[in-house]
Amino acid sequence: MSRISSKLKKAVKERAHFCCEYCKSQEEFSPQSFSIEHIIPVVKKGKNIEANLALSCQGCNNHKSYKTTGFDVVTNSEVQLYHPRIHNWENHLSV
């Protein structure tokens, strides 16, 4: 897998308005630098394309890791994790 170019990294950061695409925290106020992460991980055949890349704070990136699903204790079922290109943040993460 090739490295993510600086031009592509810049495009991802600008599209995200320099905020984590998972928790919406602002990179400017974070003590750690943000990462460009694969929404569909490389180990699950994810590609180095803009549509599959998201700006992520270290907390969200570390928590998500290579996962694409999680267990919902309310419905007692496996569910897809938030996907910033598919889901609406407010709807997906509302209580």
C-alpha atoms as a PDB file:
ATOM      1  CA  MET A   1       0.000   0.000   0.000  1.00  0.00           C
ATOM      2  CA  SER A   2       1.425   3.359  -0.986  1.00  0.00           C
ATOM      3  CA  ARG A   3       1.750   6.250   1.404  1.00  0.00           C
ATOM      4  CA  ILE A   4      -0.866   8.977   1.522  1.00  0.00           C
ATOM      5  CA  SER A   5       0.431  11.994  -0.386  1.00  0.00           C
ATOM      6  CA  SER A   6       0.705  15.376   1.307  1.00  0.00           C
ATOM      7  CA  LYS A   7      -1.759  16.747  -1.268  1.00  0.00           C
ATOM      8  CA  LEU A   8      -4.337  14.104  -0.297  1.00  0.00           C
ATOM      9  CA  LYS A   9      -3.722  14.702   3.430  1.00  0.00           C
ATOM     10  CA  LYS A  10      -4.317  18.424   2.894  1.00  0.00           C
ATOM     11  CA  ALA A  11      -7.567  17.739   1.017  1.00  0.00           C
ATOM     12  CA  VAL A  12      -8.844  15.462   3.813  1.00  0.00           C
ATOM     13  CA  LYS A  13      -8.010  18.025   6.510  1.00  0.00           C
ATOM     14  CA  GLU A  14      -9.674  20.861   4.600  1.00  0.00           C
ATOM     15  CA  ARG A  15     -12.795  18.776   3.874  1.00  0.00           C
ATOM     16  CA  ALA A  16     -13.053  18.031   7.621  1.00  0.00           C
ATOM     17  CA  HIS A  17     -12.569  21.728   8.482  1.00  0.00           C
ATOM     18  CA  PHE A  18      -9.649  20.571  10.691  1.00  0.00           C
ATOM     19  CA  CYS A  19     -12.042  18.715  13.041  1.00  0.00           C
ATOM     20  CA  CYS A  20     -12.124  15.048  13.963  1.00  0.00           C
ATOM     21  CA  GLU A  21     -14.721  13.467  11.705  1.00  0.00           C
ATOM     22  CA  TYR A  22     -15.833  11.153  14.522  1.00  0.00           C
ATOM     23  CA  CYS A  23     -16.123  13.311  17.664  1.00  0.00           C
ATOM     24  CA  LYS A  24     -15.940  16.783  16.033  1.00  0.00           C
ATOM     25  CA  SER A  25     -13.097  18.002  18.278  1.00  0.00           C
ATOM     26  CA  GLN A  26     -10.932  20.712  16.760  1.00  0.00           C
ATOM     27  CA  GLU A  27      -7.348  19.902  15.826  1.00  0.00           C
ATOM     28  CA  GLU A  28      -6.272  23.428  16.782  1.00  0.00           C
ATOM     29  CA  PHE A  29      -7.076  22.773  20.465  1.00  0.00           C
ATOM     30  CA  SER A  30      -5.789  19.204  20.701  1.00  0.00           C
ATOM     31  CA  PRO A  31      -2.584  18.418  22.599  1.00  0.00           C
ATOM     32  CA  GLN A  32      -1.868  15.666  20.028  1.00  0.00           C
ATOM     33  CA  SER A  33      -1.742  15.875  16.270  1.00  0.00           C
ATOM     34  CA  PHE A  34      -4.613  14.333  14.318  1.00  0.00           C
ATOM     35  CA  SER A  35      -4.231  11.397  11.944  1.00  0.00           C
ATOM     36  CA  ILE A  36      -5.514  10.664   8.492  1.00  0.00           C
ATOM     37  CA  GLU A  37      -7.167   7.288   9.022  1.00  0.00           C
ATOM     38  CA  HIS A  38      -8.818   4.716   6.809  1.00  0.00           C
ATOM     39  CA  ILE A  39     -12.586   4.451   7.356  1.00  0.00           C
ATOM     40  CA  ILE A  40     -12.446   0.957   5.881  1.00  0.00           C
ATOM     41  CA  PRO A  41      -9.083  -0.259   7.196  1.00  0.00           C
ATOM     42  CA  VAL A  42      -6.353  -1.430   4.827  1.00  0.00           C
ATOM     43  CA  VAL A  43      -6.519  -4.880   6.485  1.00  0.00           C
ATOM     44  CA  LYS A  44     -10.146  -5.040   5.280  1.00  0.00           C
ATOM     45  CA  LYS A  45      -9.231  -3.981   1.726  1.00  0.00           C
ATOM     46  CA  GLY A  46      -9.679  -0.226   2.320  1.00  0.00           C
ATOM     47  CA  LYS A  47      -8.010   2.034  -0.241  1.00  0.00           C
ATOM     48  CA  ASN A  48      -5.876   5.178  -0.062  1.00  0.00           C
ATOM     49  CA  ILE A  49      -8.552   7.299  -1.718  1.00  0.00           C
ATOM     50  CA  GLU A  50     -10.088  10.499  -0.419  1.00  0.00           C
ATOM     51  CA  ALA A  51     -13.531   8.916   0.051  1.00  0.00           C
ATOM     52  CA  ASN A  52     -12.026   6.316   2.413  1.00  0.00           C
ATOM     53  CA  LEU A  53      -9.910   8.703   4.468  1.00  0.00           C
ATOM     54  CA  ALA A  54     -10.992  10.688   7.507  1.00  0.00           C
ATOM     55  CA  LEU A  55      -9.326  13.162   9.838  1.00  0.00           C
ATOM     56  CA  SER A  56      -9.291  11.619  13.299  1.00  0.00           C
ATOM     57  CA  CYS A  57      -8.126  12.661  16.748  1.00  0.00           C
ATOM     58  CA  GLN A  58      -5.867  10.142  18.471  1.00  0.00           C
ATOM     59  CA  GLY A  59      -8.582   9.063  20.910  1.00  0.00           C
ATOM     60  CA  CYS A  60     -11.061   8.195  18.156  1.00  0.00           C
ATOM     61  CA  ASN A  61      -8.375   6.677  15.944  1.00  0.00           C
ATOM     62  CA  ASN A  62      -7.080   4.460  18.744  1.00  0.00           C
ATOM     63  CA  HIS A  63     -10.576   3.422  19.844  1.00  0.00           C
ATOM     64  CA  LYS A  64     -11.765   2.600  16.317  1.00  0.00           C
ATOM     65  CA  SER A  65      -8.513   0.917  15.286  1.00  0.00           C
ATOM     66  CA  TYR A  66      -9.310  -1.577  12.503  1.00  0.00           C
ATOM     67  CA  LYS A  67     -12.957  -2.086  13.568  1.00  0.00           C
ATOM     68  CA  THR A  68     -15.917  -1.335  11.296  1.00  0.00           C
ATOM     69  CA  THR A  69     -18.635  -2.740  13.575  1.00  0.00           C
ATOM     70  CA  GLY A  70     -19.434  -2.683  17.260  1.00  0.00           C
ATOM     71  CA  PHE A  71     -21.878  -4.318  19.675  1.00  0.00           C
ATOM     72  CA  ASP A  72     -25.028  -2.335  20.524  1.00  0.00           C
ATOM     73  CA  VAL A  73     -26.154  -3.283  24.025  1.00  0.00           C
ATOM     74  CA  VAL A  74     -29.590  -1.710  23.469  1.00  0.00           C
ATOM     75  CA  THR A  75     -30.467  -3.838  20.428  1.00  0.00           C
ATOM     76  CA  ASN A  76     -28.195  -6.716  21.470  1.00  0.00           C
ATOM     77  CA  SER A  77     -26.738  -6.849  17.971  1.00  0.00           C
ATOM     78  CA  GLU A  78     -23.643  -6.035  15.945  1.00  0.00           C
ATOM     79  CA  VAL A  79     -23.959  -2.668  14.185  1.00  0.00           C
ATOM     80  CA  GLN A  80     -21.877  -0.674  11.732  1.00  0.00           C
ATOM     81  CA  LEU A  81     -19.703   1.984  13.354  1.00  0.00           C
ATOM     82  CA  TYR A  82     -20.200   5.599  12.311  1.00  0.00           C
ATOM     83  CA  HIS A  83     -19.018   6.103   8.732  1.00  0.00           C
ATOM     84  CA  PRO A  84     -18.447   9.812   8.005  1.00  0.00           C
ATOM     85  CA  ARG A  85     -19.183   9.444   4.269  1.00  0.00           C
ATOM     86  CA  ILE A  86     -22.463   7.544   4.757  1.00  0.00           C
ATOM     87  CA  HIS A  87     -24.034   8.482   8.082  1.00  0.00           C
ATOM     88  CA  ASN A  88     -25.399  11.771   9.361  1.00  0.00           C
ATOM     89  CA  TRP A  89     -23.496  12.549  12.583  1.00  0.00           C
ATOM     90  CA  GLU A  90     -26.471  13.954  14.500  1.00  0.00           C
ATOM     91  CA  ASN A  91     -28.782  11.072  13.517  1.00  0.00           C
ATOM     92  CA  HIS A  92     -26.251   8.284  13.961  1.00  0.00           C
ATOM     93  CA  LEU A  93     -25.015   9.430  17.360  1.00  0.00           C
ATOM     94  CA  SER A  94     -28.274  10.651  18.884  1.00  0.00           C
ATOM     95  CA  VAL A  95     -29.686   8.974  21.963  1.00  0.00           C
END
